Amino acid sequence: MAVHPVCRSATVLEMKQEGREYVDLLLREAEIARSAGPGQFLMIRAWPGVDPLLPRPFDIMQCDPREQTLRLFIKVEGRGTALLESLEPGAEVMVTGPLGQPVRDFDFSSVAFLVRGAGAAAVVHLGEACRSRGIQIYSILSASTSSRIVCRQYLEPLSDELLIATDDGSEGHSGLATELLDRLLERQTIDRVYTCGSRRFARYVQRLDKERRSAGFVFLEGLMACGMGDCHGCAVRRKEGNGYYLVCRDGPHFPVGEVEL
């Protein structure tokens, strides 16, 4: 049954700095926490007036219906996210959600998450849903350097195996995270691969899917103004045939064979 998004005031419960670039934000909002599914996101606005004009989209990294909480992970890289970073516990923000399509199909026994930087936040809620169903999870986290490996504390307890790759060799494998996934696929079957945070990773997973080595899915990050499919700012071309998908309405996750990357 479809869940219709709502616009509500949410209370900031906790704001944690993660390194120099990231913020871990815990909110209380009962209705969205009760209805959000893995793979969905919300739009958040935390400032008065029209500067910035538009709210910002973020993956729902975790939700706890009993505690009525939502956890977001934010990369601070512009005026809107800088304003979010300045929030303190007790502040009120406006949130709209849950938005997008939840992952509904869990007919698989093993999954790998191939993620780059803050893209890791997109798969945490999905990982919790997989773990609750007894699905084996292999997480591969990638970043330019060790200090930019994020969400490890959330994914490691869920994972049967967690691997790290850094461009500069400061932690884990020195080089491409795709090399780690190649090695994993050489020694065992992985039914699905979800990727987020890198178009290069997405094209690699698209190739795996085409070669039938694993079914591939990608979380896309589009430029969103409304989050509900009205503005068409997040359109992505369909792989086959004419037309476009809207990342906010039809995604944000797609089978990699269905979209142009």
Protein backbone atom coordinates (compact mmCIF):
# COMPACT_ATOMS: atom_id res chain seq x y z
CA MET A 1 0.00 0.00 0.00
CA ALA A 2 1.36 3.39 -0.99
CA VAL A 3 2.27 5.78 1.82
CA HIS A 4 1.58 9.42 1.07
CA PRO A 5 4.25 11.91 2.13
CA VAL A 6 3.49 14.42 4.84
CA CYS A 7 5.02 17.77 5.76
CA ARG A 8 5.76 18.03 9.47
CA SER A 9 7.82 19.92 12.01
CA ALA A 10 10.63 17.76 13.43
CA THR A 11 12.76 18.33 16.51
CA VAL A 12 16.55 18.09 16.45
CA LEU A 13 17.61 15.61 19.14
CA GLU A 14 21.27 15.22 18.36
CA MET A 15 23.86 16.78 16.08
CA LYS A 16 27.26 15.10 15.78
CA GLN A 17 30.19 16.30 13.74
CA GLU A 18 31.86 13.55 11.70
CA GLY A 19 35.25 14.82 10.66
CA ARG A 20 35.45 18.20 8.96
CA GLU A 21 32.86 17.63 6.24
CA TYR A 22 29.99 15.58 7.64
CA VAL A 23 27.15 15.87 10.14
CA ASP A 24 25.14 13.06 11.75
CA LEU A 25 21.64 14.43 12.50
CA LEU A 26 18.99 12.75 14.65
CA LEU A 27 15.40 14.06 14.43
CA ARG A 28 12.14 13.20 16.16
CA GLU A 29 9.09 13.03 13.90
CA ALA A 30 6.66 10.20 14.62
CA GLU A 31 4.65 9.90 11.41
CA ILE A 32 7.55 9.71 8.95
CA ALA A 33 9.52 7.43 11.29
CA ARG A 34 6.54 5.08 11.38
CA SER A 35 6.01 4.91 7.60
CA ALA A 36 9.47 5.27 5.96
CA GLY A 37 10.85 2.26 4.13
CA PRO A 38 14.41 1.37 3.10
CA GLY A 39 15.58 3.42 0.14
CA GLN A 40 13.37 6.43 0.79
CA PHE A 41 14.40 10.00 1.52
CA LEU A 42 13.01 13.27 2.83
CA MET A 43 13.28 16.98 2.09
CA ILE A 44 14.37 19.23 4.94
CA ARG A 45 14.19 22.97 5.45
CA ALA A 46 15.77 24.53 8.53
CA TRP A 47 15.87 28.26 7.84
CA PRO A 48 13.34 31.11 7.66
CA GLY A 49 12.71 33.17 4.55
CA VAL A 50 13.75 32.37 0.99
CA ASP A 51 17.55 32.20 1.21
CA PRO A 52 18.17 29.43 0.30
CA LEU A 53 14.94 29.10 -1.64
CA LEU A 54 14.68 25.31 -1.80
CA PRO A 55 14.71 22.53 0.80
CA ARG A 56 17.45 19.88 0.65
CA PRO A 57 17.02 16.12 0.03
CA PHE A 58 18.65 13.48 2.25
CA ASP A 59 18.46 9.71 2.48
CA ILE A 60 16.71 8.38 5.56
CA MET A 61 19.70 6.54 6.98
CA GLN A 62 17.81 5.04 9.92
CA CYS A 63 14.31 5.25 11.32
CA ASP A 64 12.99 3.94 14.62
CA PRO A 65 9.18 3.87 14.86
CA ARG A 66 9.24 3.10 18.59
CA GLU A 67 11.53 6.03 19.39
CA GLN A 68 9.86 8.15 16.67
CA THR A 69 13.28 9.10 15.28
CA LEU A 70 14.95 9.61 11.91
CA ARG A 71 18.68 9.74 11.33
CA LEU A 72 20.24 11.63 8.41
CA PHE A 73 23.85 11.90 7.30
CA ILE A 74 24.82 15.20 5.70
CA LYS A 75 27.82 16.24 3.67
CA VAL A 76 28.37 19.95 4.29
CA GLU A 77 29.09 21.50 0.90
CA GLY A 78 26.90 24.58 0.41
CA ARG A 79 24.83 27.25 2.10
CA GLY A 80 21.84 25.01 2.88
CA THR A 81 23.90 22.24 4.45
CA ALA A 82 26.01 24.81 6.34
CA LEU A 83 22.79 26.11 7.92
CA LEU A 84 21.83 22.56 8.87
CA GLU A 85 25.25 22.09 10.43
CA SER A 86 24.61 25.08 12.71
CA LEU A 87 21.46 23.57 14.26
CA GLU A 88 21.41 22.76 17.96
CA PRO A 89 19.34 20.22 19.92
CA GLY A 90 15.81 21.48 20.40
CA ALA A 91 15.66 23.32 17.10
CA GLU A 92 12.63 22.76 14.86
CA VAL A 93 12.96 21.96 11.16
CA MET A 94 10.39 21.26 8.44
CA VAL A 95 10.56 17.84 6.83
CA THR A 96 8.57 16.29 4.00
CA GLY A 97 8.52 12.54 3.53
CA PRO A 98 8.82 9.71 3.12
CA LEU A 99 9.61 10.36 -0.53
CA GLY A 100 10.60 8.05 -3.37
CA GLN A 101 10.00 4.33 -3.67
CA PRO A 102 10.97 1.93 -0.88
CA VAL A 103 12.83 -1.29 -1.66
CA ARG A 104 10.10 -3.94 -1.57
CA ASP A 105 11.74 -7.00 -3.14
CA PHE A 106 13.94 -9.02 -0.78
CA ASP A 107 13.92 -12.26 -2.76
CA PHE A 108 17.70 -12.77 -2.59
CA SER A 109 20.12 -14.33 -0.14
CA SER A 110 23.24 -12.16 -0.44
CA VAL A 111 23.98 -8.52 -1.25
CA ALA A 112 27.02 -6.28 -1.62
CA PHE A 113 27.03 -2.55 -0.98
CA LEU A 114 29.61 -0.69 -3.08
CA VAL A 115 29.59 2.90 -1.83
CA ARG A 116 31.70 6.03 -2.02
CA GLY A 117 31.86 8.70 0.70
CA ALA A 118 28.50 9.88 2.03
CA GLY A 119 26.81 7.53 -0.45
CA ALA A 120 27.13 4.96 2.34
CA ALA A 121 24.19 6.61 4.11
CA ALA A 122 21.82 5.47 1.34
CA VAL A 123 22.26 1.77 2.14
CA VAL A 124 22.18 1.69 5.96
CA HIS A 125 18.39 1.41 6.27
CA LEU A 126 18.40 -1.16 3.46
CA GLY A 127 21.13 -3.07 5.28
CA GLU A 128 19.01 -3.19 8.43
CA ALA A 129 16.08 -4.57 6.43
CA CYS A 130 18.35 -7.20 4.81
CA ARG A 131 19.87 -8.25 8.15
CA SER A 132 16.41 -8.69 9.72
CA ARG A 133 15.62 -11.15 6.89
CA GLY A 134 18.84 -13.17 7.28
CA ILE A 135 20.39 -11.89 4.04
CA GLN A 136 24.19 -11.97 3.90
CA ILE A 137 25.71 -8.50 3.60
CA TYR A 138 29.12 -7.48 2.24
CA SER A 139 29.91 -3.78 2.55
CA ILE A 140 32.69 -2.07 0.60
CA LEU A 141 33.37 1.51 1.71
CA SER A 142 35.49 3.79 -0.45
CA ALA A 143 36.88 7.32 -0.17
CA SER A 144 39.88 9.39 -1.18
CA THR A 145 41.42 9.00 2.29
CA SER A 146 40.72 7.33 5.61
CA SER A 147 39.14 10.40 7.25
CA ARG A 148 36.42 10.36 4.59
CA ILE A 149 35.32 6.78 5.26
CA VAL A 150 31.92 7.34 6.87
CA CYS A 151 28.96 5.36 8.25
CA ARG A 152 31.24 2.48 9.21
CA GLN A 153 29.74 2.41 12.72
CA TYR A 154 26.31 1.72 11.20
CA LEU A 155 27.26 -0.74 8.46
CA GLU A 156 29.88 -2.82 10.28
CA PRO A 157 27.43 -4.42 12.79
CA LEU A 158 25.13 -5.35 9.89
CA SER A 159 27.81 -6.81 7.63
CA ASP A 160 29.16 -10.34 7.38
CA GLU A 161 32.26 -8.68 5.97
CA LEU A 162 33.23 -5.01 5.67
CA LEU A 163 36.05 -3.92 3.37
CA ILE A 164 37.74 -0.53 2.98
CA ALA A 165 39.40 1.03 -0.06
CA THR A 166 41.16 4.41 -0.10
CA ASP A 167 42.71 6.19 -3.05
CA ASP A 168 45.82 7.16 -1.08
CA GLY A 169 46.26 3.83 0.73
CA SER A 170 45.77 5.38 4.18
CA GLU A 171 43.45 2.51 5.15
CA GLY A 172 42.52 -0.83 3.70
CA HIS A 173 43.03 -1.59 0.03
CA SER A 174 45.06 1.03 -1.84
CA GLY A 175 43.19 1.54 -5.07
CA LEU A 176 39.77 0.94 -6.54
CA ALA A 177 36.95 -0.48 -4.46
CA THR A 178 35.75 -2.28 -7.58
CA GLU A 179 38.85 -4.48 -7.32
CA LEU A 180 37.64 -5.65 -3.89
CA LEU A 181 34.23 -6.50 -5.31
CA ASP A 182 35.86 -8.39 -8.19
CA ARG A 183 37.78 -10.52 -5.68
CA LEU A 184 34.62 -11.12 -3.67
CA LEU A 185 32.74 -12.27 -6.76
CA GLU A 186 35.59 -14.63 -7.66
CA ARG A 187 35.17 -16.58 -4.42
CA GLN A 188 31.39 -16.55 -3.98
CA THR A 189 28.03 -15.67 -5.47
CA ILE A 190 26.55 -12.29 -4.66
CA ASP A 191 22.92 -12.07 -5.75
CA ARG A 192 22.67 -8.28 -5.79
CA VAL A 193 24.93 -5.23 -5.73
CA TYR A 194 23.67 -1.81 -4.64
CA THR A 195 25.89 1.19 -5.29
CA CYS A 196 25.78 4.88 -4.42
CA GLY A 197 28.09 7.88 -4.46
CA SER A 198 30.05 7.30 -7.69
CA ARG A 199 29.02 7.25 -11.35
CA ARG A 200 32.17 5.22 -12.03
CA PHE A 201 30.94 2.58 -9.59
CA ALA A 202 27.49 2.71 -11.16
CA ARG A 203 28.89 2.02 -14.64
CA TYR A 204 30.98 -0.84 -13.22
CA VAL A 205 27.88 -2.38 -11.59
CA GLN A 206 26.01 -1.89 -14.86
CA ARG A 207 28.70 -4.00 -16.54
CA LEU A 208 28.40 -6.70 -13.84
CA ASP A 209 24.67 -6.78 -14.42
CA LYS A 210 25.05 -7.02 -18.19
CA GLU A 211 27.51 -9.90 -17.77
CA ARG A 212 25.05 -11.56 -15.35
CA ARG A 213 27.65 -11.76 -12.62
CA SER A 214 25.25 -10.05 -10.19
CA ALA A 215 22.00 -8.09 -10.40
CA GLY A 216 22.90 -4.41 -10.12
CA PHE A 217 21.03 -1.49 -8.58
CA VAL A 218 22.05 2.16 -8.28
CA PHE A 219 20.97 4.96 -5.95
CA LEU A 220 20.92 8.14 -8.03
CA GLU A 221 21.43 11.60 -6.61
CA GLY A 222 19.51 14.12 -8.67
CA LEU A 223 19.06 17.88 -8.41
CA MET A 224 15.72 18.07 -6.61
CA ALA A 225 13.61 21.17 -6.04
CA CYS A 226 10.33 19.63 -4.91
CA GLY A 227 11.07 15.95 -4.19
CA MET A 228 7.61 14.93 -5.42
CA GLY A 229 7.87 14.83 -9.22
CA ASP A 230 6.33 18.20 -9.99
CA CYS A 231 9.37 20.19 -11.15
CA HIS A 232 11.12 17.47 -13.25
CA GLY A 233 14.50 18.79 -12.13
CA CYS A 234 15.82 15.30 -11.37
CA ALA A 235 14.96 13.60 -14.67
CA VAL A 236 17.23 10.77 -15.84
CA ARG A 237 16.99 9.20 -19.28
CA ARG A 238 15.60 5.69 -19.59
CA LYS A 239 18.06 3.15 -20.96
CA GLU A 240 15.60 1.61 -23.40
CA GLY A 241 12.94 3.50 -25.30
CA ASN A 242 11.90 7.11 -25.00
CA GLY A 243 11.33 9.28 -22.00
CA TYR A 244 12.73 9.81 -18.56
CA TYR A 245 12.46 8.59 -15.01
CA LEU A 246 12.21 11.10 -12.16
CA VAL A 247 14.70 10.23 -9.45
CA CYS A 248 12.48 11.61 -6.69
CA ARG A 249 9.28 9.86 -7.78
CA ASP A 250 10.43 6.68 -9.52
CA GLY A 251 13.66 6.16 -7.54
CA PRO A 252 15.97 7.06 -5.99
CA HIS A 253 17.15 3.46 -6.58
CA PHE A 254 16.90 1.79 -9.99
CA PRO A 255 17.99 -1.45 -11.65
CA VAL A 256 21.17 -0.36 -13.43
CA GLY A 257 19.95 -1.73 -16.74
CA GLU A 258 17.04 0.71 -16.82
CA VAL A 259 18.82 4.08 -16.67
CA GLU A 260 21.45 5.97 -18.66
CA LEU A 261 24.54 6.62 -16.58
